[in-house]
């Protein structure tokens, strides 16, 4: 059994135990379609990769990976293609993003990729950031943290038009996936999806 598979199984059990414990606690919810990963250039400009995107969109945003490997996912019971970057791994099943691990400050995770504000890096997080930044922007998830982990629930919007095509209604679906920030001594040490 590979280290990745063991880690995923452990993470699954931790998530299950956390959500059972946190049923009454609230977590901040993030729009899955507004989450993105980009190279850490110190600015908000540049290409971004959206989780669930294709491997070609990943390469367009982050450049050529150091290596591409294949790993078996015991959870999904399929082979995954893994794009290995310096401090990050991106997992693909059948050509589409299935998850990532970021363990260096070479990349930002963007939690609201369309927000423009005076503080343009407000929703940009990287390994090495103080966990207080998460506390300031997402107090519900921060206050529900558990064992040096901060969880975010994810949702996705789908716009449907009624039969007359006059009114649009956004349907919100809670996803089973979570975004996870791991920290130690007040500093973010990993970001996982």
C-alpha atoms as a PDB file:
ATOM      1  CA  UNK A   1       0.000   0.000   0.000  1.00  0.00           C
ATOM      2  CA  UNK A   2       1.488   3.335  -1.009  1.00  0.00           C
ATOM      3  CA  UNK A   3       1.940   6.222   1.381  1.00  0.00           C
ATOM      4  CA  UNK A   4      -0.640   8.295  -0.533  1.00  0.00           C
ATOM      5  CA  UNK A   5      -3.282   5.599  -0.151  1.00  0.00           C
ATOM      6  CA  UNK A   6      -2.627   5.210   3.556  1.00  0.00           C
ATOM      7  CA  UNK A   7      -2.807   8.975   3.968  1.00  0.00           C
ATOM      8  CA  UNK A   8      -6.115   9.139   2.071  1.00  0.00           C
ATOM      9  CA  UNK A   9      -7.627   6.355   4.172  1.00  0.00           C
ATOM     10  CA  UNK A  10      -6.489   8.076   7.381  1.00  0.00           C
ATOM     11  CA  UNK A  11      -7.807  11.404   6.126  1.00  0.00           C
ATOM     12  CA  UNK A  12     -11.172   9.810   5.275  1.00  0.00           C
ATOM     13  CA  UNK A  13     -11.488   8.411   8.818  1.00  0.00           C
ATOM     14  CA  UNK A  14     -10.462  11.743  10.318  1.00  0.00           C
ATOM     15  CA  UNK A  15     -13.011  13.577   8.177  1.00  0.00           C
ATOM     16  CA  UNK A  16     -15.772  11.177   9.170  1.00  0.00           C
ATOM     17  CA  UNK A  17     -14.945  11.523  12.856  1.00  0.00           C
ATOM     18  CA  UNK A  18     -14.651  15.295  12.546  1.00  0.00           C
ATOM     19  CA  UNK A  19     -18.003  15.719  10.799  1.00  0.00           C
ATOM     20  CA  UNK A  20     -19.719  13.433  13.289  1.00  0.00           C
ATOM     21  CA  UNK A  21     -18.285  15.580  16.100  1.00  0.00           C
ATOM     22  CA  UNK A  22     -19.003  18.840  14.313  1.00  0.00           C
ATOM     23  CA  UNK A  23     -22.587  18.195  13.220  1.00  0.00           C
ATOM     24  CA  UNK A  24     -23.845  20.951  15.493  1.00  0.00           C
ATOM     25  CA  UNK A  25     -20.885  23.221  14.756  1.00  0.00           C
ATOM     26  CA  UNK A  26     -20.937  25.454  11.743  1.00  0.00           C
ATOM     27  CA  UNK A  27     -18.239  25.629   9.097  1.00  0.00           C
ATOM     28  CA  UNK A  28     -17.741  28.279   6.497  1.00  0.00           C
ATOM     29  CA  UNK A  29     -18.918  27.114   3.098  1.00  0.00           C
ATOM     30  CA  UNK A  30     -16.898  27.842  -0.021  1.00  0.00           C
ATOM     31  CA  UNK A  31     -18.167  27.885  -3.589  1.00  0.00           C
ATOM     32  CA  UNK A  32     -16.293  25.065  -5.349  1.00  0.00           C
ATOM     33  CA  UNK A  33     -16.328  27.013  -8.622  1.00  0.00           C
ATOM     34  CA  UNK A  34     -14.547  29.966  -6.962  1.00  0.00           C
ATOM     35  CA  UNK A  35     -11.614  27.928  -5.606  1.00  0.00           C
ATOM     36  CA  UNK A  36      -8.384  28.042  -7.583  1.00  0.00           C
ATOM     37  CA  UNK A  37      -4.664  27.320  -7.305  1.00  0.00           C
ATOM     38  CA  UNK A  38      -2.010  29.613  -8.746  1.00  0.00           C
ATOM     39  CA  UNK A  39       1.726  30.076  -8.602  1.00  0.00           C
ATOM     40  CA  UNK A  40       2.883  32.297  -5.781  1.00  0.00           C
ATOM     41  CA  UNK A  41       4.067  35.391  -7.628  1.00  0.00           C
ATOM     42  CA  UNK A  42       3.076  37.859  -4.921  1.00  0.00           C
ATOM     43  CA  UNK A  43       0.311  39.277  -7.111  1.00  0.00           C
ATOM     44  CA  UNK A  44      -3.203  38.282  -8.123  1.00  0.00           C
ATOM     45  CA  UNK A  45      -2.319  38.208 -11.814  1.00  0.00           C
ATOM     46  CA  UNK A  46      -1.566  35.030 -13.710  1.00  0.00           C
ATOM     47  CA  UNK A  47      -3.317  31.838 -14.674  1.00  0.00           C
ATOM     48  CA  UNK A  48      -5.248  29.841 -12.120  1.00  0.00           C
ATOM     49  CA  UNK A  49      -6.108  26.141 -12.013  1.00  0.00           C
ATOM     50  CA  UNK A  50      -9.597  25.249 -10.813  1.00  0.00           C
ATOM     51  CA  UNK A  51      -9.992  21.902  -9.017  1.00  0.00           C
ATOM     52  CA  UNK A  52     -11.947  19.505 -11.173  1.00  0.00           C
ATOM     53  CA  UNK A  53     -10.296  20.984 -14.264  1.00  0.00           C
ATOM     54  CA  UNK A  54      -8.290  19.096 -16.836  1.00  0.00           C
ATOM     55  CA  UNK A  55      -4.606  18.251 -16.681  1.00  0.00           C
ATOM     56  CA  UNK A  56      -3.976  20.594 -19.610  1.00  0.00           C
ATOM     57  CA  UNK A  57      -5.533  23.486 -17.652  1.00  0.00           C
ATOM     58  CA  UNK A  58      -3.215  22.619 -14.740  1.00  0.00           C
ATOM     59  CA  UNK A  59      -0.133  22.730 -16.973  1.00  0.00           C
ATOM     60  CA  UNK A  60      -1.338  25.995 -18.550  1.00  0.00           C
ATOM     61  CA  UNK A  61      -1.639  27.580 -15.090  1.00  0.00           C
ATOM     62  CA  UNK A  62       1.353  26.110 -13.246  1.00  0.00           C
ATOM     63  CA  UNK A  63       3.720  25.013 -15.992  1.00  0.00           C
ATOM     64  CA  UNK A  64       5.241  21.632 -16.726  1.00  0.00           C
ATOM     65  CA  UNK A  65       5.345  19.277 -13.706  1.00  0.00           C
ATOM     66  CA  UNK A  66       8.599  17.799 -12.396  1.00  0.00           C
ATOM     67  CA  UNK A  67       7.164  14.344 -13.093  1.00  0.00           C
ATOM     68  CA  UNK A  68       3.958  12.506 -13.908  1.00  0.00           C
ATOM     69  CA  UNK A  69       3.288   9.209 -12.146  1.00  0.00           C
ATOM     70  CA  UNK A  70       0.465   6.717 -11.787  1.00  0.00           C
ATOM     71  CA  UNK A  71      -0.893   5.656  -8.405  1.00  0.00           C
ATOM     72  CA  UNK A  72      -3.747   3.341  -7.555  1.00  0.00           C
ATOM     73  CA  UNK A  73      -6.573   4.835  -5.482  1.00  0.00           C
ATOM     74  CA  UNK A  74      -8.009   2.186  -3.209  1.00  0.00           C
ATOM     75  CA  UNK A  75     -10.875   4.482  -2.303  1.00  0.00           C
ATOM     76  CA  UNK A  76     -11.948   4.979  -5.931  1.00  0.00           C
ATOM     77  CA  UNK A  77     -10.517   1.621  -7.112  1.00  0.00           C
ATOM     78  CA  UNK A  78      -8.920   3.185 -10.199  1.00  0.00           C
ATOM     79  CA  UNK A  79      -5.520   4.382 -11.347  1.00  0.00           C
ATOM     80  CA  UNK A  80      -4.865   8.085 -10.866  1.00  0.00           C
ATOM     81  CA  UNK A  81      -2.439  10.213 -12.828  1.00  0.00           C
ATOM     82  CA  UNK A  82      -0.377  12.337 -10.449  1.00  0.00           C
ATOM     83  CA  UNK A  83       1.245  15.595 -11.578  1.00  0.00           C
ATOM     84  CA  UNK A  84       4.160  16.193  -9.221  1.00  0.00           C
ATOM     85  CA  UNK A  85       5.349  19.773  -8.728  1.00  0.00           C
ATOM     86  CA  UNK A  86       7.833  21.191  -6.270  1.00  0.00           C
ATOM     87  CA  UNK A  87       5.733  21.149  -3.099  1.00  0.00           C
ATOM     88  CA  UNK A  88       2.436  20.085  -4.660  1.00  0.00           C
ATOM     89  CA  UNK A  89       0.702  17.038  -6.109  1.00  0.00           C
ATOM     90  CA  UNK A  90      -2.403  17.102  -8.271  1.00  0.00           C
ATOM     91  CA  UNK A  91      -4.452  13.921  -8.754  1.00  0.00           C
ATOM     92  CA  UNK A  92      -6.469  13.173 -11.908  1.00  0.00           C
ATOM     93  CA  UNK A  93      -8.955  10.426 -12.659  1.00  0.00           C
ATOM     94  CA  UNK A  94     -10.046  10.026 -16.264  1.00  0.00           C
ATOM     95  CA  UNK A  95      -8.435  13.363 -17.148  1.00  0.00           C
ATOM     96  CA  UNK A  96     -10.161  15.500 -14.508  1.00  0.00           C
ATOM     97  CA  UNK A  97      -8.871  16.868 -11.209  1.00  0.00           C
ATOM     98  CA  UNK A  98      -9.684  14.718  -8.229  1.00  0.00           C
ATOM     99  CA  UNK A  99      -7.649  16.372  -5.480  1.00  0.00           C
ATOM    100  CA  UNK A 100      -4.418  18.074  -4.537  1.00  0.00           C
ATOM    101  CA  UNK A 101      -1.878  18.391  -1.737  1.00  0.00           C
ATOM    102  CA  UNK A 102       0.079  21.602  -1.332  1.00  0.00           C
ATOM    103  CA  UNK A 103       2.983  21.517   1.106  1.00  0.00           C
ATOM    104  CA  UNK A 104       5.118  24.495   0.078  1.00  0.00           C
ATOM    105  CA  UNK A 105       4.679  28.223  -0.306  1.00  0.00           C
ATOM    106  CA  UNK A 106       5.212  27.996  -4.083  1.00  0.00           C
ATOM    107  CA  UNK A 107       1.423  28.078  -4.615  1.00  0.00           C
ATOM    108  CA  UNK A 108      -1.605  29.998  -3.421  1.00  0.00           C
ATOM    109  CA  UNK A 109      -5.035  28.563  -2.883  1.00  0.00           C
ATOM    110  CA  UNK A 110      -7.606  31.195  -3.783  1.00  0.00           C
ATOM    111  CA  UNK A 111     -10.911  30.866  -1.938  1.00  0.00           C
ATOM    112  CA  UNK A 112     -12.826  33.444  -3.959  1.00  0.00           C
ATOM    113  CA  UNK A 113     -11.266  33.820  -7.386  1.00  0.00           C
ATOM    114  CA  UNK A 114     -13.644  36.553  -8.601  1.00  0.00           C
ATOM    115  CA  UNK A 115     -13.474  38.866  -5.593  1.00  0.00           C
ATOM    116  CA  UNK A 116     -11.729  42.156  -6.156  1.00  0.00           C
ATOM    117  CA  UNK A 117     -11.112  44.300  -3.131  1.00  0.00           C
ATOM    118  CA  UNK A 118      -8.664  46.829  -1.778  1.00  0.00           C
ATOM    119  CA  UNK A 119      -6.801  43.936  -0.145  1.00  0.00           C
ATOM    120  CA  UNK A 120      -6.328  41.879  -3.298  1.00  0.00           C
ATOM    121  CA  UNK A 121      -4.517  39.024  -1.503  1.00  0.00           C
ATOM    122  CA  UNK A 122      -7.169  38.706   1.236  1.00  0.00           C
ATOM    123  CA  UNK A 123      -8.498  35.407  -0.151  1.00  0.00           C
ATOM    124  CA  UNK A 124      -5.093  34.011  -1.131  1.00  0.00           C
ATOM    125  CA  UNK A 125      -3.586  31.434   1.245  1.00  0.00           C
ATOM    126  CA  UNK A 126      -0.251  29.648   1.131  1.00  0.00           C
ATOM    127  CA  UNK A 127       1.831  27.377   3.293  1.00  0.00           C
ATOM    128  CA  UNK A 128       3.643  29.622   5.757  1.00  0.00           C
ATOM    129  CA  UNK A 129       0.762  32.070   6.240  1.00  0.00           C
ATOM    130  CA  UNK A 130      -0.318  32.688   9.829  1.00  0.00           C
ATOM    131  CA  UNK A 131      -3.447  30.781  10.773  1.00  0.00           C
ATOM    132  CA  UNK A 132      -4.824  34.076  12.104  1.00  0.00           C
ATOM    133  CA  UNK A 133      -5.457  35.059   8.461  1.00  0.00           C
ATOM    134  CA  UNK A 134      -7.935  32.174   8.226  1.00  0.00           C
ATOM    135  CA  UNK A 135      -9.453  33.193  11.567  1.00  0.00           C
ATOM    136  CA  UNK A 136     -10.052  36.743  10.315  1.00  0.00           C
ATOM    137  CA  UNK A 137     -11.725  35.699   7.042  1.00  0.00           C
ATOM    138  CA  UNK A 138     -13.480  32.461   8.045  1.00  0.00           C
ATOM    139  CA  UNK A 139     -14.270  32.587  11.763  1.00  0.00           C
ATOM    140  CA  UNK A 140     -16.802  29.709  11.739  1.00  0.00           C
ATOM    141  CA  UNK A 141     -14.327  27.203  10.300  1.00  0.00           C
ATOM    142  CA  UNK A 142     -11.552  28.552  12.509  1.00  0.00           C
ATOM    143  CA  UNK A 143     -13.680  28.248  15.657  1.00  0.00           C
ATOM    144  CA  UNK A 144     -14.586  24.666  14.645  1.00  0.00           C
ATOM    145  CA  UNK A 145     -10.949  23.657  14.103  1.00  0.00           C
ATOM    146  CA  UNK A 146      -9.910  20.280  15.389  1.00  0.00           C
ATOM    147  CA  UNK A 147      -6.394  18.972  16.117  1.00  0.00           C
ATOM    148  CA  UNK A 148      -4.560  21.577  14.024  1.00  0.00           C
ATOM    149  CA  UNK A 149      -6.960  21.212  11.106  1.00  0.00           C
ATOM    150  CA  UNK A 150      -9.388  23.755   9.675  1.00  0.00           C
ATOM    151  CA  UNK A 151     -12.157  22.408   7.448  1.00  0.00           C
ATOM    152  CA  UNK A 152     -14.317  24.161   4.890  1.00  0.00           C
ATOM    153  CA  UNK A 153     -17.469  22.663   3.449  1.00  0.00           C
ATOM    154  CA  UNK A 154     -17.855  23.050  -0.304  1.00  0.00           C
ATOM    155  CA  UNK A 155     -20.944  23.732  -2.362  1.00  0.00           C
ATOM    156  CA  UNK A 156     -21.694  24.205  -6.027  1.00  0.00           C
ATOM    157  CA  UNK A 157     -24.283  26.436  -7.687  1.00  0.00           C
ATOM    158  CA  UNK A 158     -26.238  25.416 -10.740  1.00  0.00           C
ATOM    159  CA  UNK A 159     -28.501  27.889 -12.511  1.00  0.00           C
ATOM    160  CA  UNK A 160     -31.711  26.480 -13.919  1.00  0.00           C
ATOM    161  CA  UNK A 161     -34.314  28.331 -15.897  1.00  0.00           C
ATOM    162  CA  UNK A 162     -37.993  27.666 -15.506  1.00  0.00           C
ATOM    163  CA  UNK A 163     -40.139  26.455 -18.406  1.00  0.00           C
ATOM    164  CA  UNK A 164     -40.941  29.971 -19.617  1.00  0.00           C
ATOM    165  CA  UNK A 165     -37.181  30.809 -19.664  1.00  0.00           C
ATOM    166  CA  UNK A 166     -37.917  34.030 -17.782  1.00  0.00           C
ATOM    167  CA  UNK A 167     -36.713  33.342 -14.254  1.00  0.00           C
ATOM    168  CA  UNK A 168     -33.422  31.796 -13.308  1.00  0.00           C
ATOM    169  CA  UNK A 169     -33.003  30.023 -10.001  1.00  0.00           C
ATOM    170  CA  UNK A 170     -29.700  29.018  -8.517  1.00  0.00           C
ATOM    171  CA  UNK A 171     -29.714  25.551  -7.004  1.00  0.00           C
ATOM    172  CA  UNK A 172     -27.083  25.047  -4.334  1.00  0.00           C
ATOM    173  CA  UNK A 173     -25.718  21.553  -3.789  1.00  0.00           C
ATOM    174  CA  UNK A 174     -23.538  20.695  -0.808  1.00  0.00           C
ATOM    175  CA  UNK A 175     -20.602  18.577  -1.929  1.00  0.00           C
ATOM    176  CA  UNK A 176     -19.077  15.651  -0.068  1.00  0.00           C
ATOM    177  CA  UNK A 177     -15.613  17.143  -0.596  1.00  0.00           C
ATOM    178  CA  UNK A 178     -13.869  19.483   1.836  1.00  0.00           C
ATOM    179  CA  UNK A 179     -10.971  21.871   1.696  1.00  0.00           C
ATOM    180  CA  UNK A 180      -8.545  21.329   4.565  1.00  0.00           C
ATOM    181  CA  UNK A 181      -5.867  23.605   6.011  1.00  0.00           C
ATOM    182  CA  UNK A 182      -3.380  21.951   8.361  1.00  0.00           C
ATOM    183  CA  UNK A 183      -1.334  24.113  10.716  1.00  0.00           C
ATOM    184  CA  UNK A 184       1.318  23.852  13.401  1.00  0.00           C
ATOM    185  CA  UNK A 185       2.473  26.500  15.862  1.00  0.00           C
ATOM    186  CA  UNK A 186       0.108  29.055  14.321  1.00  0.00           C
ATOM    187  CA  UNK A 187       1.371  28.592  10.735  1.00  0.00           C
ATOM    188  CA  UNK A 188      -0.316  26.837   7.791  1.00  0.00           C
ATOM    189  CA  UNK A 189       1.746  23.747   6.863  1.00  0.00           C
ATOM    190  CA  UNK A 190      -0.464  22.117   4.224  1.00  0.00           C
ATOM    191  CA  UNK A 191      -3.561  22.646   2.086  1.00  0.00           C
ATOM    192  CA  UNK A 192      -5.519  19.614   0.892  1.00  0.00           C
ATOM    193  CA  UNK A 193      -8.495  18.939  -1.322  1.00  0.00           C
END
